Amino acid sequence: MSLEAIDPALGLLDDFAKVTHGVSRHIQQMRQAAIFTEGALPARHKALGAMLWSISARCEPCIVYYVQQAATLGATESELGEILAVATTMGGCVGEMWSLKAYKAYKDFSSGQAMPQAQPSCCS
């Protein structure tokens, strides 16, 4: 999985880390500890939670990334569906549209299709 395939801006992470004095490294360390480490909750559930937050924030690159991570960590389509139901319920019509984007990302990833590039301005 290439981060640049998710969003071209992610290809600049190394340069970005230099100009931000390593802030990205610290965020990655926090992400690893908070999301991708097994604990009272399995990492796949925490990745689904991060996906839920990404849907709420309407960050398409984040949605795609956390869908891929959740699937890689073993999240099932049924688990994804239950979380997407929460996102849709809490977000109404807008939540449904962003949940559909997450579901499409899951279907694309689970079928081995290349991920389309997300719009770089999704979080603004």
PDB file of N, CA and C in Angstrom:
ATOM      1  N   MET A   1       0.842  -1.170   0.000  1.00  0.00           N
ATOM      2  CA  MET A   1       0.000   0.000   0.000  1.00  0.00           C
ATOM      3  C   MET A   1       0.890   1.236   0.000  1.00  0.00           C
ATOM      4  N   SER A   2       0.734   2.069  -0.991  1.00  0.00           N
ATOM      5  CA  SER A   2       1.513   3.294  -1.117  1.00  0.00           C
ATOM      6  C   SER A   2       0.715   4.469  -0.565  1.00  0.00           C
ATOM      7  N   LEU A   3       1.330   5.225   0.326  1.00  0.00           N
ATOM      8  CA  LEU A   3       0.642   6.397   0.859  1.00  0.00           C
ATOM      9  C   LEU A   3       0.360   7.414  -0.238  1.00  0.00           C
ATOM     10  N   GLU A   4       1.282   7.530  -1.191  1.00  0.00           N
ATOM     11  CA  GLU A   4       1.074   8.464  -2.300  1.00  0.00           C
ATOM     12  C   GLU A   4      -0.121   8.080  -3.150  1.00  0.00           C
ATOM     13  N   ALA A   5      -0.467   6.793  -3.198  1.00  0.00           N
ATOM     14  CA  ALA A   5      -1.653   6.376  -3.936  1.00  0.00           C
ATOM     15  C   ALA A   5      -2.919   6.871  -3.246  1.00  0.00           C
ATOM     16  N   ILE A   6      -2.840   7.067  -1.940  1.00  0.00           N
ATOM     17  CA  ILE A   6      -3.984   7.590  -1.197  1.00  0.00           C
ATOM     18  C   ILE A   6      -4.126   9.090  -1.446  1.00  0.00           C
ATOM     19  N   ASP A   7      -3.019   9.804  -1.371  1.00  0.00           N
ATOM     20  CA  ASP A   7      -3.022  11.239  -1.635  1.00  0.00           C
ATOM     21  C   ASP A   7      -1.601  11.653  -1.996  1.00  0.00           C
ATOM     22  N   PRO A   8      -1.416  12.349  -3.113  1.00  0.00           N
ATOM     23  CA  PRO A   8      -0.074  12.738  -3.548  1.00  0.00           C
ATOM     24  C   PRO A   8       0.701  13.544  -2.507  1.00  0.00           C
ATOM     25  N   ALA A   9       0.004  14.314  -1.677  1.00  0.00           N
ATOM     26  CA  ALA A   9       0.686  15.114  -0.666  1.00  0.00           C
ATOM     27  C   ALA A   9       1.459  14.246   0.324  1.00  0.00           C
ATOM     28  N   LEU A  10       1.006  13.016   0.521  1.00  0.00           N
ATOM     29  CA  LEU A  10       1.680  12.125   1.470  1.00  0.00           C
ATOM     30  C   LEU A  10       3.087  11.750   1.013  1.00  0.00           C
ATOM     31  N   GLY A  11       3.385  11.952  -0.247  1.00  0.00           N
ATOM     32  CA  GLY A  11       4.736  11.726  -0.753  1.00  0.00           C
ATOM     33  C   GLY A  11       5.744  12.742  -0.243  1.00  0.00           C
ATOM     34  N   LEU A  12       5.242  13.800   0.356  1.00  0.00           N
ATOM     35  CA  LEU A  12       6.113  14.856   0.879  1.00  0.00           C
ATOM     36  C   LEU A  12       6.399  14.716   2.372  1.00  0.00           C
ATOM     37  N   LEU A  13       5.996  13.614   2.978  1.00  0.00           N
ATOM     38  CA  LEU A  13       6.157  13.465   4.427  1.00  0.00           C
ATOM     39  C   LEU A  13       7.594  13.633   4.905  1.00  0.00           C
ATOM     40  N   ASP A  14       8.558  13.093   4.181  1.00  0.00           N
ATOM     41  CA  ASP A  14       9.954  13.229   4.605  1.00  0.00           C
ATOM     42  C   ASP A  14      10.388  14.694   4.611  1.00  0.00           C
ATOM     43  N   ASP A  15      10.081  15.417   3.538  1.00  0.00           N
ATOM     44  CA  ASP A  15      10.420  16.839   3.471  1.00  0.00           C
ATOM     45  C   ASP A  15       9.648  17.620   4.530  1.00  0.00           C
ATOM     46  N   PHE A  16       8.380  17.274   4.703  1.00  0.00           N
ATOM     47  CA  PHE A  16       7.538  17.937   5.699  1.00  0.00           C
ATOM     48  C   PHE A  16       8.108  17.748   7.103  1.00  0.00           C
ATOM     49  N   ALA A  17       8.588  16.544   7.376  1.00  0.00           N
ATOM     50  CA  ALA A  17       9.181  16.253   8.686  1.00  0.00           C
ATOM     51  C   ALA A  17      10.393  17.148   8.945  1.00  0.00           C
ATOM     52  N   LYS A  18      11.158  17.430   7.899  1.00  0.00           N
ATOM     53  CA  LYS A  18      12.343  18.286   8.064  1.00  0.00           C
ATOM     54  C   LYS A  18      11.940  19.711   8.423  1.00  0.00           C
ATOM     55  N   VAL A  19      10.958  20.254   7.724  1.00  0.00           N
ATOM     56  CA  VAL A  19      10.595  21.654   7.972  1.00  0.00           C
ATOM     57  C   VAL A  19       9.747  21.822   9.227  1.00  0.00           C
ATOM     58  N   THR A  20       9.178  20.731   9.728  1.00  0.00           N
ATOM     59  CA  THR A  20       8.364  20.811  10.948  1.00  0.00           C
ATOM     60  C   THR A  20       9.103  20.238  12.158  1.00  0.00           C
ATOM     61  N   HIS A  21      10.388  20.032  11.995  1.00  0.00           N
ATOM     62  CA  HIS A  21      11.244  19.569  13.098  1.00  0.00           C
ATOM     63  C   HIS A  21      10.789  18.230  13.676  1.00  0.00           C
ATOM     64  N   GLY A  22      10.361  17.332  12.797  1.00  0.00           N
ATOM     65  CA  GLY A  22      10.035  15.971  13.222  1.00  0.00           C
ATOM     66  C   GLY A  22       8.662  15.769  13.839  1.00  0.00           C
ATOM     67  N   VAL A  23       7.794  16.745  13.712  1.00  0.00           N
ATOM     68  CA  VAL A  23       6.458  16.610  14.307  1.00  0.00           C
ATOM     69  C   VAL A  23       5.741  15.371  13.765  1.00  0.00           C
ATOM     70  N   SER A  24       5.900  15.104  12.488  1.00  0.00           N
ATOM     71  CA  SER A  24       5.243  13.930  11.889  1.00  0.00           C
ATOM     72  C   SER A  24       5.676  12.631  12.569  1.00  0.00           C
ATOM     73  N   ARG A  25       6.934  12.547  12.931  1.00  0.00           N
ATOM     74  CA  ARG A  25       7.435  11.352  13.608  1.00  0.00           C
ATOM     75  C   ARG A  25       6.723  11.169  14.948  1.00  0.00           C
ATOM     76  N   HIS A  26       6.518  12.264  15.647  1.00  0.00           N
ATOM     77  CA  HIS A  26       5.838  12.195  16.944  1.00  0.00           C
ATOM     78  C   HIS A  26       4.365  11.789  16.778  1.00  0.00           C
ATOM     79  N   ILE A  27       3.737  12.324  15.766  1.00  0.00           N
ATOM     80  CA  ILE A  27       2.348  11.939  15.507  1.00  0.00           C
ATOM     81  C   ILE A  27       2.277  10.465  15.139  1.00  0.00           C
ATOM     82  N   GLN A  28       3.225   9.993  14.334  1.00  0.00           N
ATOM     83  CA  GLN A  28       3.249   8.574  13.975  1.00  0.00           C
ATOM     84  C   GLN A  28       3.456   7.705  15.215  1.00  0.00           C
ATOM     85  N   GLN A  29       4.310   8.137  16.135  1.00  0.00           N
ATOM     86  CA  GLN A  29       4.515   7.382  17.380  1.00  0.00           C
ATOM     87  C   GLN A  29       3.224   7.333  18.201  1.00  0.00           C
ATOM     88  N   MET A  30       2.509   8.443  18.282  1.00  0.00           N
ATOM     89  CA  MET A  30       1.237   8.459  19.007  1.00  0.00           C
ATOM     90  C   MET A  30       0.209   7.566  18.324  1.00  0.00           C
ATOM     91  N   ARG A  31       0.157   7.640  17.000  1.00  0.00           N
ATOM     92  CA  ARG A  31      -0.779   6.801  16.234  1.00  0.00           C
ATOM     93  C   ARG A  31      -0.479   5.323  16.475  1.00  0.00           C
ATOM     94  N   GLN A  32       0.798   4.972  16.452  1.00  0.00           N
ATOM     95  CA  GLN A  32       1.189   3.583  16.673  1.00  0.00           C
ATOM     96  C   GLN A  32       0.752   3.119  18.061  1.00  0.00           C
ATOM     97  N   ALA A  33       1.001   3.942  19.067  1.00  0.00           N
ATOM     98  CA  ALA A  33       0.659   3.566  20.442  1.00  0.00           C
ATOM     99  C   ALA A  33      -0.847   3.543  20.683  1.00  0.00           C
ATOM    100  N   ALA A  34      -1.551   4.510  20.141  1.00  0.00           N
ATOM    101  CA  ALA A  34      -2.983   4.639  20.435  1.00  0.00           C
ATOM    102  C   ALA A  34      -3.866   3.760  19.559  1.00  0.00           C
ATOM    103  N   ILE A  35      -3.474   3.541  18.325  1.00  0.00           N
ATOM    104  CA  ILE A  35      -4.362   2.847  17.380  1.00  0.00           C
ATOM    105  C   ILE A  35      -3.852   1.456  17.036  1.00  0.00           C
ATOM    106  N   PHE A  36      -2.593   1.339  16.691  1.00  0.00           N
ATOM    107  CA  PHE A  36      -2.093   0.097  16.107  1.00  0.00           C
ATOM    108  C   PHE A  36      -1.452  -0.859  17.100  1.00  0.00           C
ATOM    109  N   THR A  37      -1.670  -0.641  18.382  1.00  0.00           N
ATOM    110  CA  THR A  37      -1.170  -1.531  19.415  1.00  0.00           C
ATOM    111  C   THR A  37      -2.350  -2.245  20.054  1.00  0.00           C
ATOM    112  N   GLU A  38      -2.227  -3.556  20.175  1.00  0.00           N
ATOM    113  CA  GLU A  38      -3.289  -4.331  20.831  1.00  0.00           C
ATOM    114  C   GLU A  38      -3.378  -3.930  22.291  1.00  0.00           C
ATOM    115  N   GLY A  39      -4.570  -3.883  22.817  1.00  0.00           N
ATOM    116  CA  GLY A  39      -4.781  -3.537  24.217  1.00  0.00           C
ATOM    117  C   GLY A  39      -6.123  -4.097  24.651  1.00  0.00           C
ATOM    118  N   ALA A  40      -6.824  -3.380  25.503  1.00  0.00           N
ATOM    119  CA  ALA A  40      -8.163  -3.804  25.912  1.00  0.00           C
ATOM    120  C   ALA A  40      -9.068  -3.927  24.690  1.00  0.00           C
ATOM    121  N   LEU A  41      -8.822  -3.068  23.704  1.00  0.00           N
ATOM    122  CA  LEU A  41      -9.520  -3.169  22.415  1.00  0.00           C
ATOM    123  C   LEU A  41      -8.536  -3.680  21.369  1.00  0.00           C
ATOM    124  N   PRO A  42      -8.997  -4.545  20.488  1.00  0.00           N
ATOM    125  CA  PRO A  42      -8.111  -4.984  19.400  1.00  0.00           C
ATOM    126  C   PRO A  42      -7.755  -3.795  18.493  1.00  0.00           C
ATOM    127  N   ALA A  43      -6.573  -3.835  17.916  1.00  0.00           N
ATOM    128  CA  ALA A  43      -6.127  -2.761  17.030  1.00  0.00           C
ATOM    129  C   ALA A  43      -7.100  -2.558  15.875  1.00  0.00           C
ATOM    130  N   ARG A  44      -7.717  -3.618  15.378  1.00  0.00           N
ATOM    131  CA  ARG A  44      -8.648  -3.455  14.253  1.00  0.00           C
ATOM    132  C   ARG A  44      -9.845  -2.604  14.662  1.00  0.00           C
ATOM    133  N   HIS A  45     -10.294  -2.742  15.906  1.00  0.00           N
ATOM    134  CA  HIS A  45     -11.414  -1.917  16.375  1.00  0.00           C
ATOM    135  C   HIS A  45     -10.988  -0.456  16.520  1.00  0.00           C
ATOM    136  N   LYS A  46      -9.761  -0.250  16.966  1.00  0.00           N
ATOM    137  CA  LYS A  46      -9.278   1.120  17.099  1.00  0.00           C
ATOM    138  C   LYS A  46      -9.086   1.756  15.725  1.00  0.00           C
ATOM    139  N   ALA A  47      -8.653   0.966  14.733  1.00  0.00           N
ATOM    140  CA  ALA A  47      -8.538   1.491  13.371  1.00  0.00           C
ATOM    141  C   ALA A  47      -9.919   1.842  12.823  1.00  0.00           C
ATOM    142  N   LEU A  48     -10.923   1.031  13.148  1.00  0.00           N
ATOM    143  CA  LEU A  48     -12.300   1.363  12.737  1.00  0.00           C
ATOM    144  C   LEU A  48     -12.766   2.637  13.433  1.00  0.00           C
ATOM    145  N   GLY A  49     -12.373   2.827  14.687  1.00  0.00           N
ATOM    146  CA  GLY A  49     -12.699   4.070  15.390  1.00  0.00           C
ATOM    147  C   GLY A  49     -12.041   5.273  14.733  1.00  0.00           C
ATOM    148  N   ALA A  50     -10.792   5.107  14.316  1.00  0.00           N
ATOM    149  CA  ALA A  50     -10.098   6.191  13.612  1.00  0.00           C
ATOM    150  C   ALA A  50     -10.786   6.482  12.283  1.00  0.00           C
ATOM    151  N   MET A  51     -11.284   5.433  11.625  1.00  0.00           N
ATOM    152  CA  MET A  51     -12.033   5.626  10.386  1.00  0.00           C
ATOM    153  C   MET A  51     -13.306   6.418  10.666  1.00  0.00           C
ATOM    154  N   LEU A  52     -13.980   6.089  11.768  1.00  0.00           N
ATOM    155  CA  LEU A  52     -15.202   6.795  12.146  1.00  0.00           C
ATOM    156  C   LEU A  52     -14.913   8.280  12.361  1.00  0.00           C
ATOM    157  N   TRP A  53     -13.838   8.562  13.059  1.00  0.00           N
ATOM    158  CA  TRP A  53     -13.442   9.952  13.272  1.00  0.00           C
ATOM    159  C   TRP A  53     -13.129  10.625  11.933  1.00  0.00           C
ATOM    160  N   SER A  54     -12.473   9.908  11.035  1.00  0.00           N
ATOM    161  CA  SER A  54     -12.129  10.453   9.721  1.00  0.00           C
ATOM    162  C   SER A  54     -13.369  10.780   8.908  1.00  0.00           C
ATOM    163  N   ILE A  55     -14.396   9.931   9.032  1.00  0.00           N
ATOM    164  CA  ILE A  55     -15.661  10.208   8.351  1.00  0.00           C
ATOM    165  C   ILE A  55     -16.255  11.497   8.907  1.00  0.00           C
ATOM    166  N   SER A  56     -16.253  11.629  10.213  1.00  0.00           N
ATOM    167  CA  SER A  56     -16.794  12.828  10.853  1.00  0.00           C
ATOM    168  C   SER A  56     -16.036  14.077  10.414  1.00  0.00           C
ATOM    169  N   ALA A  57     -14.715  13.955  10.274  1.00  0.00           N
ATOM    170  CA  ALA A  57     -13.880  15.087   9.854  1.00  0.00           C
ATOM    171  C   ALA A  57     -13.918  15.301   8.346  1.00  0.00           C
ATOM    172  N   ARG A  58     -14.505  14.342   7.620  1.00  0.00           N
ATOM    173  CA  ARG A  58     -14.599  14.395   6.154  1.00  0.00           C
ATOM    174  C   ARG A  58     -13.225  14.483   5.502  1.00  0.00           C
ATOM    175  N   CYS A  59     -12.313  13.658   6.002  1.00  0.00           N
ATOM    176  CA  CYS A  59     -10.948  13.603   5.463  1.00  0.00           C
ATOM    177  C   CYS A  59     -10.822  12.328   4.633  1.00  0.00           C
ATOM    178  N   GLU A  60     -10.995  12.445   3.336  1.00  0.00           N
ATOM    179  CA  GLU A  60     -10.992  11.262   2.479  1.00  0.00           C
ATOM    180  C   GLU A  60      -9.686  10.477   2.511  1.00  0.00           C
ATOM    181  N   PRO A  61      -8.505  11.129   2.484  1.00  0.00           N
ATOM    182  CA  PRO A  61      -7.278  10.328   2.591  1.00  0.00           C
ATOM    183  C   PRO A  61      -7.215   9.549   3.901  1.00  0.00           C
ATOM    184  N   CYS A  62      -7.680  10.167   4.990  1.00  0.00           N
ATOM    185  CA  CYS A  62      -7.690   9.475   6.288  1.00  0.00           C
ATOM    186  C   CYS A  62      -8.655   8.296   6.261  1.00  0.00           C
ATOM    187  N   ILE A  63      -9.822   8.497   5.663  1.00  0.00           N
ATOM    188  CA  ILE A  63     -10.805   7.412   5.553  1.00  0.00           C
ATOM    189  C   ILE A  63     -10.182   6.227   4.841  1.00  0.00           C
ATOM    190  N   VAL A  64      -9.592   6.486   3.682  1.00  0.00           N
ATOM    191  CA  VAL A  64      -8.991   5.412   2.885  1.00  0.00           C
ATOM    192  C   VAL A  64      -7.895   4.717   3.683  1.00  0.00           C
ATOM    193  N   TYR A  65      -7.036   5.487   4.331  1.00  0.00           N
ATOM    194  CA  TYR A  65      -5.929   4.914   5.097  1.00  0.00           C
ATOM    195  C   TYR A  65      -6.444   4.017   6.219  1.00  0.00           C
ATOM    196  N   TYR A  66      -7.385   4.510   7.011  1.00  0.00           N
ATOM    197  CA  TYR A  66      -7.840   3.721   8.155  1.00  0.00           C
ATOM    198  C   TYR A  66      -8.716   2.547   7.736  1.00  0.00           C
ATOM    199  N   VAL A  67      -9.421   2.650   6.624  1.00  0.00           N
ATOM    200  CA  VAL A  67     -10.134   1.486   6.093  1.00  0.00           C
ATOM    201  C   VAL A  67      -9.121   0.410   5.729  1.00  0.00           C
ATOM    202  N   GLN A  68      -8.073   0.798   5.021  1.00  0.00           N
ATOM    203  CA  GLN A  68      -7.048  -0.167   4.624  1.00  0.00           C
ATOM    204  C   GLN A  68      -6.385  -0.787   5.848  1.00  0.00           C
ATOM    205  N   GLN A  69      -6.067   0.035   6.836  1.00  0.00           N
ATOM    206  CA  GLN A  69      -5.426  -0.479   8.043  1.00  0.00           C
ATOM    207  C   GLN A  69      -6.352  -1.437   8.793  1.00  0.00           C
ATOM    208  N   ALA A  70      -7.621  -1.064   8.924  1.00  0.00           N
ATOM    209  CA  ALA A  70      -8.578  -1.923   9.626  1.00  0.00           C
ATOM    210  C   ALA A  70      -8.703  -3.270   8.914  1.00  0.00           C
ATOM    211  N   ALA A  71      -8.794  -3.238   7.590  1.00  0.00           N
ATOM    212  CA  ALA A  71      -8.911  -4.484   6.829  1.00  0.00           C
ATOM    213  C   ALA A  71      -7.646  -5.321   6.975  1.00  0.00           C
ATOM    214  N   THR A  72      -6.499  -4.685   6.907  1.00  0.00           N
ATOM    215  CA  THR A  72      -5.230  -5.394   7.069  1.00  0.00           C
ATOM    216  C   THR A  72      -5.124  -6.029   8.455  1.00  0.00           C
ATOM    217  N   LEU A  73      -5.683  -5.359   9.449  1.00  0.00           N
ATOM    218  CA  LEU A  73      -5.653  -5.881  10.815  1.00  0.00           C
ATOM    219  C   LEU A  73      -6.741  -6.923  11.076  1.00  0.00           C
ATOM    220  N   GLY A  74      -7.544  -7.221  10.058  1.00  0.00           N
ATOM    221  CA  GLY A  74      -8.529  -8.290  10.183  1.00  0.00           C
ATOM    222  C   GLY A  74      -9.967  -7.870  10.386  1.00  0.00           C
ATOM    223  N   ALA A  75     -10.255  -6.576  10.269  1.00  0.00           N
ATOM    224  CA  ALA A  75     -11.647  -6.141  10.401  1.00  0.00           C
ATOM    225  C   ALA A  75     -12.485  -6.778   9.292  1.00  0.00           C
ATOM    226  N   THR A  76     -13.636  -7.271   9.663  1.00  0.00           N
ATOM    227  CA  THR A  76     -14.523  -7.911   8.689  1.00  0.00           C
ATOM    228  C   THR A  76     -15.466  -6.884   8.077  1.00  0.00           C
ATOM    229  N   GLU A  77     -16.080  -7.276   6.996  1.00  0.00           N
ATOM    230  CA  GLU A  77     -17.062  -6.401   6.361  1.00  0.00           C
ATOM    231  C   GLU A  77     -18.235  -6.137   7.311  1.00  0.00           C
ATOM    232  N   SER A  78     -18.590  -7.134   8.115  1.00  0.00           N
ATOM    233  CA  SER A  78     -19.671  -6.960   9.089  1.00  0.00           C
ATOM    234  C   SER A  78     -19.301  -5.931  10.152  1.00  0.00           C
ATOM    235  N   GLU A  79     -18.057  -5.992  10.654  1.00  0.00           N
ATOM    236  CA  GLU A  79     -17.609  -5.003  11.643  1.00  0.00           C
ATOM    237  C   GLU A  79     -17.613  -3.607  11.027  1.00  0.00           C
ATOM    238  N   LEU A  80     -17.079  -3.513   9.821  1.00  0.00           N
ATOM    239  CA  LEU A  80     -17.073  -2.237   9.120  1.00  0.00           C
ATOM    240  C   LEU A  80     -18.497  -1.718   8.971  1.00  0.00           C
ATOM    241  N   GLY A  81     -19.404  -2.600   8.582  1.00  0.00           N
ATOM    242  CA  GLY A  81     -20.794  -2.209   8.384  1.00  0.00           C
ATOM    243  C   GLY A  81     -21.436  -1.639   9.633  1.00  0.00           C
ATOM    244  N   GLU A  82     -21.138  -2.232  10.780  1.00  0.00           N
ATOM    245  CA  GLU A  82     -21.726  -1.720  12.020  1.00  0.00           C
ATOM    246  C   GLU A  82     -21.195  -0.333  12.355  1.00  0.00           C
ATOM    247  N   ILE A  83     -19.903  -0.110  12.135  1.00  0.00           N
ATOM    248  CA  ILE A  83     -19.331   1.215  12.384  1.00  0.00           C
ATOM    249  C   ILE A  83     -19.885   2.224  11.380  1.00  0.00           C
ATOM    250  N   LEU A  84     -20.039   1.806  10.120  1.00  0.00           N
ATOM    251  CA  LEU A  84     -20.588   2.705   9.106  1.00  0.00           C
ATOM    252  C   LEU A  84     -22.044   3.047   9.406  1.00  0.00           C
ATOM    253  N   ALA A  85     -22.771   2.117  10.040  1.00  0.00           N
ATOM    254  CA  ALA A  85     -24.145   2.408  10.450  1.00  0.00           C
ATOM    255  C   ALA A  85     -24.163   3.504  11.509  1.00  0.00           C
ATOM    256  N   VAL A  86     -23.190   3.467  12.423  1.00  0.00           N
ATOM    257  CA  VAL A  86     -23.084   4.517  13.441  1.00  0.00           C
ATOM    258  C   VAL A  86     -22.792   5.857  12.760  1.00  0.00           C
ATOM    259  N   ALA A  87     -21.823   5.867  11.847  1.00  0.00           N
ATOM    260  CA  ALA A  87     -21.460   7.105  11.148  1.00  0.00           C
ATOM    261  C   ALA A  87     -22.648   7.669  10.381  1.00  0.00           C
ATOM    262  N   THR A  88     -23.389   6.794   9.717  1.00  0.00           N
ATOM    263  CA  THR A  88     -24.543   7.233   8.941  1.00  0.00           C
ATOM    264  C   THR A  88     -25.631   7.771   9.858  1.00  0.00           C
ATOM    265  N   THR A  89     -25.887   7.068  10.951  1.00  0.00           N
ATOM    266  CA  THR A  89     -26.922   7.502  11.897  1.00  0.00           C
ATOM    267  C   THR A  89     -26.570   8.851  12.509  1.00  0.00           C
ATOM    268  N   MET A  90     -25.345   9.001  12.944  1.00  0.00           N
ATOM    269  CA  MET A  90     -24.931  10.241  13.602  1.00  0.00           C
ATOM    270  C   MET A  90     -24.782  11.396  12.615  1.00  0.00           C
ATOM    271  N   GLY A  91     -24.478  11.097  11.366  1.00  0.00           N
ATOM    272  CA  GLY A  91     -24.202  12.146  10.383  1.00  0.00           C
ATOM    273  C   GLY A  91     -25.318  12.429   9.403  1.00  0.00           C
ATOM    274  N   GLY A  92     -26.403  11.652   9.452  1.00  0.00           N
ATOM    275  CA  GLY A  92     -27.509  11.883   8.525  1.00  0.00           C
ATOM    276  C   GLY A  92     -27.072  11.701   7.077  1.00  0.00           C
ATOM    277  N   CYS A  93     -27.609  12.545   6.220  1.00  0.00           N
ATOM    278  CA  CYS A  93     -27.313  12.431   4.784  1.00  0.00           C
ATOM    279  C   CYS A  93     -25.828  12.604   4.496  1.00  0.00           C
ATOM    280  N   VAL A  94     -25.195  13.565   5.153  1.00  0.00           N
ATOM    281  CA  VAL A  94     -23.760  13.791   4.938  1.00  0.00           C
ATOM    282  C   VAL A  94     -22.966  12.597   5.450  1.00  0.00           C
ATOM    283  N   GLY A  95     -23.330  12.095   6.620  1.00  0.00           N
ATOM    284  CA  GLY A  95     -22.671  10.916   7.169  1.00  0.00           C
ATOM    285  C   GLY A  95     -22.814   9.718   6.248  1.00  0.00           C
ATOM    286  N   GLU A  96     -23.976   9.596   5.637  1.00  0.00           N
ATOM    287  CA  GLU A  96     -24.193   8.482   4.718  1.00  0.00           C
ATOM    288  C   GLU A  96     -23.263   8.584   3.513  1.00  0.00           C
ATOM    289  N   MET A  97     -23.112   9.780   2.955  1.00  0.00           N
ATOM    290  CA  MET A  97     -22.247   9.939   1.780  1.00  0.00           C
ATOM    291  C   MET A  97     -20.804   9.597   2.110  1.00  0.00           C
ATOM    292  N   TRP A  98     -20.302  10.082   3.262  1.00  0.00           N
ATOM    293  CA  TRP A  98     -18.924   9.795   3.633  1.00  0.00           C
ATOM    294  C   TRP A  98     -18.751   8.337   4.043  1.00  0.00           C
ATOM    295  N   SER A  99     -19.793   7.750   4.609  1.00  0.00           N
ATOM    296  CA  SER A  99     -19.758   6.315   4.926  1.00  0.00           C
ATOM    297  C   SER A  99     -19.700   5.488   3.648  1.00  0.00           C
ATOM    298  N   LEU A 100     -20.422   5.935   2.627  1.00  0.00           N
ATOM    299  CA  LEU A 100     -20.355   5.246   1.329  1.00  0.00           C
ATOM    300  C   LEU A 100     -18.946   5.303   0.756  1.00  0.00           C
ATOM    301  N   LYS A 101     -18.266   6.444   0.931  1.00  0.00           N
ATOM    302  CA  LYS A 101     -16.876   6.549   0.461  1.00  0.00           C
ATOM    303  C   LYS A 101     -15.990   5.545   1.204  1.00  0.00           C
ATOM    304  N   ALA A 102     -16.226   5.403   2.488  1.00  0.00           N
ATOM    305  CA  ALA A 102     -15.454   4.426   3.270  1.00  0.00           C
ATOM    306  C   ALA A 102     -15.755   3.009   2.801  1.00  0.00           C
ATOM    307  N   TYR A 103     -17.019   2.721   2.545  1.00  0.00           N
ATOM    308  CA  TYR A 103     -17.385   1.381   2.096  1.00  0.00           C
ATOM    309  C   TYR A 103     -16.774   1.084   0.727  1.00  0.00           C
ATOM    310  N   LYS A 104     -16.764   2.076  -0.153  1.00  0.00           N
ATOM    311  CA  LYS A 104     -16.133   1.896  -1.460  1.00  0.00           C
ATOM    312  C   LYS A 104     -14.639   1.645  -1.292  1.00  0.00           C
ATOM    313  N   ALA A 105     -13.996   2.380  -0.379  1.00  0.00           N
ATOM    314  CA  ALA A 105     -12.564   2.161  -0.136  1.00  0.00           C
ATOM    315  C   ALA A 105     -12.327   0.730   0.334  1.00  0.00           C
ATOM    316  N   TYR A 106     -13.216   0.230   1.192  1.00  0.00           N
ATOM    317  CA  TYR A 106     -13.092  -1.156   1.665  1.00  0.00           C
ATOM    318  C   TYR A 106     -13.260  -2.134   0.507  1.00  0.00           C
ATOM    319  N   LYS A 107     -14.294  -1.941  -0.292  1.00  0.00           N
ATOM    320  CA  LYS A 107     -14.541  -2.856  -1.417  1.00  0.00           C
ATOM    321  C   LYS A 107     -13.374  -2.836  -2.395  1.00  0.00           C
ATOM    322  N   ASP A 108     -12.865  -1.650  -2.697  1.00  0.00           N
ATOM    323  CA  ASP A 108     -11.722  -1.536  -3.604  1.00  0.00           C
ATOM    324  C   ASP A 108     -10.500  -2.254  -3.029  1.00  0.00           C
ATOM    325  N   PHE A 109     -10.212  -2.023  -1.756  1.00  0.00           N
ATOM    326  CA  PHE A 109      -9.040  -2.619  -1.117  1.00  0.00           C
ATOM    327  C   PHE A 109      -9.180  -4.133  -1.019  1.00  0.00           C
ATOM    328  N   SER A 110     -10.350  -4.602  -0.623  1.00  0.00           N
ATOM    329  CA  SER A 110     -10.533  -6.048  -0.442  1.00  0.00           C
ATOM    330  C   SER A 110     -10.568  -6.793  -1.772  1.00  0.00           C
ATOM    331  N   SER A 111     -10.852  -6.070  -2.867  1.00  0.00           N
ATOM    332  CA  SER A 111     -10.841  -6.726  -4.175  1.00  0.00           C
ATOM    333  C   SER A 111      -9.499  -6.558  -4.876  1.00  0.00           C
ATOM    334  N   GLY A 112      -8.570  -5.836  -4.231  1.00  0.00           N
ATOM    335  CA  GLY A 112      -7.237  -5.657  -4.803  1.00  0.00           C
ATOM    336  C   GLY A 112      -7.146  -4.537  -5.809  1.00  0.00           C
ATOM    337  N   GLN A 113      -8.201  -3.742  -5.954  1.00  0.00           N
ATOM    338  CA  GLN A 113      -8.161  -2.633  -6.898  1.00  0.00           C
ATOM    339  C   GLN A 113      -7.282  -1.521  -6.352  1.00  0.00           C
ATOM    340  N   ALA A 114      -6.673  -0.790  -7.270  1.00  0.00           N
ATOM    341  CA  ALA A 114      -5.873   0.369  -6.870  1.00  0.00           C
ATOM    342  C   ALA A 114      -6.791   1.417  -6.268  1.00  0.00           C
ATOM    343  N   MET A 115      -6.285   2.097  -5.253  1.00  0.00           N
ATOM    344  CA  MET A 115      -7.069   3.130  -4.600  1.00  0.00           C
ATOM    345  C   MET A 115      -7.002   4.411  -5.418  1.00  0.00           C
ATOM    346  N   PRO A 116      -8.143   5.044  -5.688  1.00  0.00           N
ATOM    347  CA  PRO A 116      -8.101   6.323  -6.394  1.00  0.00           C
ATOM    348  C   PRO A 116      -7.513   7.401  -5.492  1.00  0.00           C
ATOM    349  N   GLN A 117      -6.940   8.410  -6.116  1.00  0.00           N
ATOM    350  CA  GLN A 117      -6.393   9.498  -5.322  1.00  0.00           C
ATOM    351  C   GLN A 117      -7.533  10.332  -4.773  1.00  0.00           C
ATOM    352  N   ALA A 118      -7.462  10.661  -3.526  1.00  0.00           N
ATOM    353  CA  ALA A 118      -8.478  11.491  -2.893  1.00  0.00           C
ATOM    354  C   ALA A 118      -8.195  12.952  -3.182  1.00  0.00           C
ATOM    355  N   GLN A 119      -9.199  13.754  -3.040  1.00  0.00           N
ATOM    356  CA  GLN A 119      -9.028  15.179  -3.226  1.00  0.00           C
ATOM    357  C   GLN A 119      -8.158  15.731  -2.108  1.00  0.00           C
ATOM    358  N   PRO A 120      -7.083  16.451  -2.439  1.00  0.00           N
ATOM    359  CA  PRO A 120      -6.178  16.935  -1.402  1.00  0.00           C
ATOM    360  C   PRO A 120      -6.802  17.977  -0.483  1.00  0.00           C
ATOM    361  N   SER A 121      -7.923  18.571  -0.864  1.00  0.00           N
ATOM    362  CA  SER A 121      -8.494  19.643  -0.051  1.00  0.00           C
ATOM    363  C   SER A 121      -9.643  19.149   0.822  1.00  0.00           C
ATOM    364  N   CYS A 122      -9.710  17.843   1.057  1.00  0.00           N
ATOM    365  CA  CYS A 122     -10.867  17.283   1.748  1.00  0.00           C
ATOM    366  C   CYS A 122     -11.005  17.750   3.185  1.00  0.00           C
ATOM    367  N   CYS A 123      -9.946  18.105   3.833  1.00  0.00           N
ATOM    368  CA  CYS A 123     -10.006  18.435   5.261  1.00  0.00           C
ATOM    369  C   CYS A 123     -10.202  19.909   5.526  1.00  0.00           C
ATOM    370  N   SER A 124     -10.280  20.696   4.503  1.00  0.00           N
ATOM    371  CA  SER A 124     -10.379  22.154   4.735  1.00  0.00           C
ATOM    372  C   SER A 124     -11.804  22.597   4.883  1.00  0.00           C
TER     373      SER A 124
END
